[in-house]
Amino acid sequence: MFNALLERLGIIKKESEPDMKKFLIAGLGNIGAKYEETRHNIGFKVLDALAEEEGVSFETRKLGDMASFRYKGRTFILLKPSTYMNLSGKAILYWMQMEKIAPENLLVITDDINLPFGAIRLKGKGSDGGHNGLKDIQAKLNTTKYNRFRFGVGSDFFKGRQVDYVLGEWTPEEADVLKERLKRSAALVRSFGTAGMANTMNTFNNT
């Protein structure tokens, strides 16, 4: 009660509440030109496509490259962590705290070998599925309850060759299909921030 009085008098600052119209969209990937066109970097690829559609550019900030835009009264903050895939959680937690992002307003975009190429799925929670980026996010946020957008990259690899596959580049056929899939993915991200999780799942999952 005493602290509340001091806050009203302006003697101490009130802790700011999360801005529920602000969203952090974190695309997972590895930095560097050699990873640019690899399957593991689809998170970066989706954010690049979205930024291009919105006419914004990325700037290098602490722990990542960032861009932002406003759409239908919402602010979308795009983050490409520069910590490499296995330490993605460090950058995400830092910017959630800096931008005062509510946990439910975080969306993590990642590749998924358990989905056919081009399939997109939105989920509100789940296991890391053996994905090192998701493992680190789970550890840093101390929860499995965070929104993730899984982009299917398929599993056309021999046993023991998973790393080579996800760090391999798209085939010419995949690269051609990817253009439409990236547009669909950008639309999903906008919907997440404006229509909400449930509506977006109903509209985009299995499409």
C-alpha atoms as a PDB file:
ATOM      1  CA  MET A   1       0.000   0.000   0.000  1.00  0.00           C
ATOM      2  CA  PHE A   2       2.864   2.358   0.867  1.00  0.00           C
ATOM      3  CA  ASN A   3       4.497   1.667  -2.510  1.00  0.00           C
ATOM      4  CA  ALA A   4       1.200   2.378  -4.263  1.00  0.00           C
ATOM      5  CA  LEU A   5       1.054   5.781  -2.522  1.00  0.00           C
ATOM      6  CA  LEU A   6       4.634   6.553  -3.563  1.00  0.00           C
ATOM      7  CA  GLU A   7       3.751   5.587  -7.129  1.00  0.00           C
ATOM      8  CA  ARG A   8       0.780   7.946  -7.165  1.00  0.00           C
ATOM      9  CA  LEU A   9       2.947  10.763  -5.829  1.00  0.00           C
ATOM     10  CA  GLY A  10       5.516  10.066  -8.514  1.00  0.00           C
ATOM     11  CA  ILE A  11       8.261   9.297  -6.010  1.00  0.00           C
ATOM     12  CA  ILE A  12       8.832   5.821  -7.403  1.00  0.00           C
ATOM     13  CA  LYS A  13       7.925   4.516 -10.822  1.00  0.00           C
ATOM     14  CA  LYS A  14       5.176   1.990 -11.247  1.00  0.00           C
ATOM     15  CA  GLU A  15       6.285  -1.200 -12.943  1.00  0.00           C
ATOM     16  CA  SER A  16       4.939  -1.009 -16.474  1.00  0.00           C
ATOM     17  CA  GLU A  17       2.500  -3.648 -17.617  1.00  0.00           C
ATOM     18  CA  PRO A  18       3.030  -5.584 -20.851  1.00  0.00           C
ATOM     19  CA  ASP A  19       1.664  -3.822 -23.920  1.00  0.00           C
ATOM     20  CA  MET A  20      -0.929  -6.274 -25.208  1.00  0.00           C
ATOM     21  CA  LYS A  21      -0.873  -4.644 -28.654  1.00  0.00           C
ATOM     22  CA  LYS A  22       2.818  -5.427 -29.074  1.00  0.00           C
ATOM     23  CA  PHE A  23       4.035  -8.767 -30.452  1.00  0.00           C
ATOM     24  CA  LEU A  24       7.486 -10.339 -30.652  1.00  0.00           C
ATOM     25  CA  ILE A  25       7.933 -12.576 -33.697  1.00  0.00           C
ATOM     26  CA  ALA A  26      11.158 -14.556 -33.393  1.00  0.00           C
ATOM     27  CA  GLY A  27      12.391 -16.461 -36.436  1.00  0.00           C
ATOM     28  CA  LEU A  28      15.017 -19.097 -35.694  1.00  0.00           C
ATOM     29  CA  GLY A  29      18.110 -19.587 -37.827  1.00  0.00           C
ATOM     30  CA  ASN A  30      21.872 -19.336 -37.992  1.00  0.00           C
ATOM     31  CA  ILE A  31      23.688 -16.163 -38.982  1.00  0.00           C
ATOM     32  CA  GLY A  32      26.032 -16.032 -41.939  1.00  0.00           C
ATOM     33  CA  ALA A  33      25.745 -16.257 -45.718  1.00  0.00           C
ATOM     34  CA  LYS A  34      26.479 -19.987 -45.797  1.00  0.00           C
ATOM     35  CA  TYR A  35      23.280 -20.706 -43.845  1.00  0.00           C
ATOM     36  CA  GLU A  36      21.031 -18.260 -45.694  1.00  0.00           C
ATOM     37  CA  GLU A  37      19.286 -20.739 -48.010  1.00  0.00           C
ATOM     38  CA  THR A  38      19.290 -23.748 -45.680  1.00  0.00           C
ATOM     39  CA  ARG A  39      16.158 -25.466 -44.415  1.00  0.00           C
ATOM     40  CA  HIS A  40      17.115 -24.743 -40.791  1.00  0.00           C
ATOM     41  CA  ASN A  41      16.869 -21.010 -41.548  1.00  0.00           C
ATOM     42  CA  ILE A  42      13.217 -20.919 -42.511  1.00  0.00           C
ATOM     43  CA  GLY A  43      12.498 -18.730 -39.467  1.00  0.00           C
ATOM     44  CA  PHE A  44      14.772 -16.018 -40.863  1.00  0.00           C
ATOM     45  CA  LYS A  45      13.285 -16.546 -44.320  1.00  0.00           C
ATOM     46  CA  VAL A  46       9.709 -15.950 -43.133  1.00  0.00           C
ATOM     47  CA  LEU A  47      10.717 -12.740 -41.342  1.00  0.00           C
ATOM     48  CA  ASP A  48      12.626 -11.508 -44.402  1.00  0.00           C
ATOM     49  CA  ALA A  49       9.536 -12.070 -46.561  1.00  0.00           C
ATOM     50  CA  LEU A  50       7.288 -10.293 -44.050  1.00  0.00           C
ATOM     51  CA  ALA A  51       9.682  -7.348 -43.696  1.00  0.00           C
ATOM     52  CA  GLU A  52       9.874  -6.995 -47.473  1.00  0.00           C
ATOM     53  CA  GLU A  53       6.078  -6.949 -47.791  1.00  0.00           C
ATOM     54  CA  GLU A  54       5.861  -4.297 -45.076  1.00  0.00           C
ATOM     55  CA  GLY A  55       8.698  -2.212 -46.509  1.00  0.00           C
ATOM     56  CA  VAL A  56      10.881  -2.316 -43.390  1.00  0.00           C
ATOM     57  CA  SER A  57      14.552  -3.170 -42.960  1.00  0.00           C
ATOM     58  CA  PHE A  58      16.453  -5.056 -40.287  1.00  0.00           C
ATOM     59  CA  GLU A  59      18.969  -3.328 -38.042  1.00  0.00           C
ATOM     60  CA  THR A  60      21.635  -5.037 -35.986  1.00  0.00           C
ATOM     61  CA  ARG A  61      20.758  -4.720 -32.303  1.00  0.00           C
ATOM     62  CA  LYS A  62      21.856  -6.512 -29.162  1.00  0.00           C
ATOM     63  CA  LEU A  63      21.657 -10.307 -29.670  1.00  0.00           C
ATOM     64  CA  GLY A  64      19.974 -10.059 -33.034  1.00  0.00           C
ATOM     65  CA  ASP A  65      18.774  -8.237 -36.131  1.00  0.00           C
ATOM     66  CA  MET A  66      15.442  -6.478 -35.669  1.00  0.00           C
ATOM     67  CA  ALA A  67      12.718  -4.714 -37.619  1.00  0.00           C
ATOM     68  CA  SER A  68       9.250  -3.517 -36.672  1.00  0.00           C
ATOM     69  CA  PHE A  69       6.027  -2.362 -38.283  1.00  0.00           C
ATOM     70  CA  ARG A  70       2.481  -1.464 -37.326  1.00  0.00           C
ATOM     71  CA  TYR A  71      -0.545  -3.252 -38.730  1.00  0.00           C
ATOM     72  CA  LYS A  72      -4.177  -2.725 -37.737  1.00  0.00           C
ATOM     73  CA  GLY A  73      -3.183  -0.992 -34.516  1.00  0.00           C
ATOM     74  CA  ARG A  74      -0.677  -3.664 -33.494  1.00  0.00           C
ATOM     75  CA  THR A  75       3.104  -3.393 -33.330  1.00  0.00           C
ATOM     76  CA  PHE A  76       5.050  -6.351 -34.692  1.00  0.00           C
ATOM     77  CA  ILE A  77       8.688  -6.641 -33.589  1.00  0.00           C
ATOM     78  CA  LEU A  78      10.650  -9.057 -35.769  1.00  0.00           C
ATOM     79  CA  LEU A  79      13.725 -10.707 -34.244  1.00  0.00           C
ATOM     80  CA  LYS A  80      16.390 -12.809 -35.937  1.00  0.00           C
ATOM     81  CA  PRO A  81      18.660 -13.900 -33.053  1.00  0.00           C
ATOM     82  CA  SER A  82      22.384 -13.605 -33.736  1.00  0.00           C
ATOM     83  CA  THR A  83      23.208 -16.116 -31.006  1.00  0.00           C
ATOM     84  CA  TYR A  84      23.077 -19.110 -33.354  1.00  0.00           C
ATOM     85  CA  MET A  85      20.262 -21.627 -33.179  1.00  0.00           C
ATOM     86  CA  ASN A  86      21.284 -23.390 -29.967  1.00  0.00           C
ATOM     87  CA  LEU A  87      21.181 -20.184 -27.899  1.00  0.00           C
ATOM     88  CA  SER A  88      18.011 -18.646 -29.367  1.00  0.00           C
ATOM     89  CA  GLY A  89      16.348 -18.391 -25.957  1.00  0.00           C
ATOM     90  CA  LYS A  90      18.866 -15.851 -24.699  1.00  0.00           C
ATOM     91  CA  ALA A  91      17.930 -13.284 -27.349  1.00  0.00           C
ATOM     92  CA  ILE A  92      14.204 -13.963 -27.087  1.00  0.00           C
ATOM     93  CA  LEU A  93      14.104 -13.587 -23.301  1.00  0.00           C
ATOM     94  CA  TYR A  94      16.186 -10.406 -23.451  1.00  0.00           C
ATOM     95  CA  TRP A  95      13.883  -8.700 -25.960  1.00  0.00           C
ATOM     96  CA  MET A  96      10.725  -9.912 -24.251  1.00  0.00           C
ATOM     97  CA  GLN A  97      11.942  -8.151 -21.121  1.00  0.00           C
ATOM     98  CA  MET A  98      13.196  -5.043 -22.929  1.00  0.00           C
ATOM     99  CA  GLU A  99      10.012  -4.579 -24.966  1.00  0.00           C
ATOM    100  CA  LYS A 100       7.724  -5.806 -22.171  1.00  0.00           C
ATOM    101  CA  ILE A 101       6.142  -8.485 -24.331  1.00  0.00           C
ATOM    102  CA  ALA A 102       3.476 -10.659 -22.731  1.00  0.00           C
ATOM    103  CA  PRO A 103       4.282 -14.406 -23.036  1.00  0.00           C
ATOM    104  CA  GLU A 104       1.093 -14.973 -25.029  1.00  0.00           C
ATOM    105  CA  ASN A 105       2.277 -12.340 -27.543  1.00  0.00           C
ATOM    106  CA  LEU A 106       5.439 -14.253 -28.428  1.00  0.00           C
ATOM    107  CA  LEU A 107       5.548 -16.312 -31.622  1.00  0.00           C
ATOM    108  CA  VAL A 108       8.567 -18.486 -32.480  1.00  0.00           C
ATOM    109  CA  ILE A 109       9.023 -19.609 -36.097  1.00  0.00           C
ATOM    110  CA  THR A 110      10.979 -22.809 -36.638  1.00  0.00           C
ATOM    111  CA  ASP A 111      11.629 -25.588 -39.130  1.00  0.00           C
ATOM    112  CA  ASP A 112      10.081 -29.008 -38.490  1.00  0.00           C
ATOM    113  CA  ILE A 113      11.198 -32.283 -40.082  1.00  0.00           C
ATOM    114  CA  ASN A 114       8.060 -34.013 -38.784  1.00  0.00           C
ATOM    115  CA  LEU A 115       5.878 -32.043 -41.189  1.00  0.00           C
ATOM    116  CA  PRO A 116       5.826 -32.412 -44.983  1.00  0.00           C
ATOM    117  CA  PHE A 117       7.589 -29.690 -46.918  1.00  0.00           C
ATOM    118  CA  GLY A 118       5.547 -26.480 -46.979  1.00  0.00           C
ATOM    119  CA  ALA A 119       3.036 -27.514 -44.289  1.00  0.00           C
ATOM    120  CA  ILE A 120       2.423 -24.827 -41.669  1.00  0.00           C
ATOM    121  CA  ARG A 121       1.173 -25.416 -38.135  1.00  0.00           C
ATOM    122  CA  LEU A 122       0.487 -23.061 -35.272  1.00  0.00           C
ATOM    123  CA  LYS A 123       0.598 -24.420 -31.708  1.00  0.00           C
ATOM    124  CA  GLY A 124       0.289 -22.840 -28.279  1.00  0.00           C
ATOM    125  CA  LYS A 125       2.559 -25.288 -26.488  1.00  0.00           C
ATOM    126  CA  GLY A 126       4.430 -28.539 -26.947  1.00  0.00           C
ATOM    127  CA  SER A 127       7.731 -30.340 -26.594  1.00  0.00           C
ATOM    128  CA  ASP A 128      10.956 -29.232 -28.249  1.00  0.00           C
ATOM    129  CA  GLY A 129      10.774 -32.267 -30.572  1.00  0.00           C
ATOM    130  CA  GLY A 130      14.552 -32.579 -30.449  1.00  0.00           C
ATOM    131  CA  HIS A 131      15.010 -29.091 -31.909  1.00  0.00           C
ATOM    132  CA  ASN A 132      17.975 -27.400 -30.223  1.00  0.00           C
ATOM    133  CA  GLY A 133      16.616 -23.901 -30.684  1.00  0.00           C
ATOM    134  CA  LEU A 134      13.343 -24.813 -28.989  1.00  0.00           C
ATOM    135  CA  LYS A 135      15.234 -26.615 -26.212  1.00  0.00           C
ATOM    136  CA  ASP A 136      17.063 -23.418 -25.334  1.00  0.00           C
ATOM    137  CA  ILE A 137      13.918 -21.292 -25.477  1.00  0.00           C
ATOM    138  CA  GLN A 138      12.146 -23.728 -23.170  1.00  0.00           C
ATOM    139  CA  ALA A 139      15.072 -23.596 -20.731  1.00  0.00           C
ATOM    140  CA  LYS A 140      15.328 -19.789 -20.758  1.00  0.00           C
ATOM    141  CA  LEU A 141      11.577 -19.147 -20.495  1.00  0.00           C
ATOM    142  CA  ASN A 142      11.160 -22.060 -18.083  1.00  0.00           C
ATOM    143  CA  THR A 143       8.010 -23.238 -19.832  1.00  0.00           C
ATOM    144  CA  THR A 144       6.808 -25.203 -22.845  1.00  0.00           C
ATOM    145  CA  LYS A 145       3.764 -22.927 -23.108  1.00  0.00           C
ATOM    146  CA  TYR A 146       4.771 -20.475 -25.785  1.00  0.00           C
ATOM    147  CA  ASN A 147       3.363 -20.051 -29.275  1.00  0.00           C
ATOM    148  CA  ARG A 148       5.279 -21.648 -32.084  1.00  0.00           C
ATOM    149  CA  PHE A 149       4.816 -21.602 -35.830  1.00  0.00           C
ATOM    150  CA  ARG A 150       6.255 -24.801 -37.305  1.00  0.00           C
ATOM    151  CA  PHE A 151       7.152 -24.783 -40.986  1.00  0.00           C
ATOM    152  CA  GLY A 152       7.514 -28.250 -42.496  1.00  0.00           C
ATOM    153  CA  VAL A 153      10.795 -29.016 -44.246  1.00  0.00           C
ATOM    154  CA  GLY A 154      10.112 -32.716 -44.777  1.00  0.00           C
ATOM    155  CA  SER A 155      12.318 -35.669 -43.846  1.00  0.00           C
ATOM    156  CA  ASP A 156      13.807 -36.866 -47.108  1.00  0.00           C
ATOM    157  CA  PHE A 157      17.091 -38.032 -45.591  1.00  0.00           C
ATOM    158  CA  PHE A 158      18.757 -41.303 -44.661  1.00  0.00           C
ATOM    159  CA  LYS A 159      19.114 -42.349 -41.034  1.00  0.00           C
ATOM    160  CA  GLY A 160      21.873 -40.396 -39.320  1.00  0.00           C
ATOM    161  CA  ARG A 161      21.862 -37.631 -41.939  1.00  0.00           C
ATOM    162  CA  GLN A 162      19.378 -35.285 -40.265  1.00  0.00           C
ATOM    163  CA  VAL A 163      21.940 -32.541 -39.565  1.00  0.00           C
ATOM    164  CA  ASP A 164      23.156 -32.586 -43.167  1.00  0.00           C
ATOM    165  CA  TYR A 165      19.551 -32.371 -44.351  1.00  0.00           C
ATOM    166  CA  VAL A 166      18.419 -29.397 -42.246  1.00  0.00           C
ATOM    167  CA  LEU A 167      21.678 -27.576 -42.939  1.00  0.00           C
ATOM    168  CA  GLY A 168      21.310 -28.379 -46.640  1.00  0.00           C
ATOM    169  CA  GLU A 169      19.895 -25.912 -49.152  1.00  0.00           C
ATOM    170  CA  TRP A 170      16.462 -26.033 -50.750  1.00  0.00           C
ATOM    171  CA  THR A 171      16.144 -27.993 -53.968  1.00  0.00           C
ATOM    172  CA  PRO A 172      15.164 -25.914 -57.057  1.00  0.00           C
ATOM    173  CA  GLU A 173      11.658 -27.429 -56.846  1.00  0.00           C
ATOM    174  CA  GLU A 174      11.324 -26.499 -53.158  1.00  0.00           C
ATOM    175  CA  ALA A 175      12.642 -22.994 -53.777  1.00  0.00           C
ATOM    176  CA  ASP A 176       9.940 -22.472 -56.400  1.00  0.00           C
ATOM    177  CA  VAL A 177       7.109 -23.581 -54.085  1.00  0.00           C
ATOM    178  CA  LEU A 178       8.618 -21.581 -51.221  1.00  0.00           C
ATOM    179  CA  LYS A 179       7.560 -18.251 -52.721  1.00  0.00           C
ATOM    180  CA  GLU A 180       3.856 -18.959 -52.211  1.00  0.00           C
ATOM    181  CA  ARG A 181       4.460 -20.595 -48.831  1.00  0.00           C
ATOM    182  CA  LEU A 182       6.308 -17.516 -47.575  1.00  0.00           C
ATOM    183  CA  LYS A 183       3.402 -15.277 -48.553  1.00  0.00           C
ATOM    184  CA  ARG A 184       1.063 -17.590 -46.684  1.00  0.00           C
ATOM    185  CA  SER A 185       3.397 -17.560 -43.688  1.00  0.00           C
ATOM    186  CA  ALA A 186       3.525 -13.752 -43.625  1.00  0.00           C
ATOM    187  CA  ALA A 187      -0.278 -13.674 -43.636  1.00  0.00           C
ATOM    188  CA  LEU A 188      -0.315 -16.129 -40.715  1.00  0.00           C
ATOM    189  CA  VAL A 189       1.942 -13.867 -38.635  1.00  0.00           C
ATOM    190  CA  ARG A 190      -0.281 -10.832 -39.229  1.00  0.00           C
ATOM    191  CA  SER A 191      -3.345 -12.889 -38.328  1.00  0.00           C
ATOM    192  CA  PHE A 192      -1.700 -14.073 -35.106  1.00  0.00           C
ATOM    193  CA  GLY A 193      -1.392 -10.468 -33.944  1.00  0.00           C
ATOM    194  CA  THR A 194      -4.821  -9.293 -35.084  1.00  0.00           C
ATOM    195  CA  ALA A 195      -7.246 -12.241 -35.110  1.00  0.00           C
ATOM    196  CA  GLY A 196      -5.761 -14.174 -32.190  1.00  0.00           C
ATOM    197  CA  MET A 197      -4.323 -17.629 -31.752  1.00  0.00           C
ATOM    198  CA  ALA A 198      -7.502 -19.731 -32.047  1.00  0.00           C
ATOM    199  CA  ASN A 199      -8.813 -17.989 -35.164  1.00  0.00           C
ATOM    200  CA  THR A 200      -5.415 -18.140 -36.821  1.00  0.00           C
ATOM    201  CA  MET A 201      -5.065 -21.855 -36.099  1.00  0.00           C
ATOM    202  CA  ASN A 202      -8.488 -22.496 -37.635  1.00  0.00           C
ATOM    203  CA  THR A 203      -7.640 -20.465 -40.726  1.00  0.00           C
ATOM    204  CA  PHE A 204      -4.082 -21.552 -41.448  1.00  0.00           C
ATOM    205  CA  ASN A 205      -3.392 -24.969 -39.949  1.00  0.00           C
ATOM    206  CA  ASN A 206      -3.517 -27.776 -42.533  1.00  0.00           C
ATOM    207  CA  THR A 207      -3.391 -25.291 -45.433  1.00  0.00           C
END
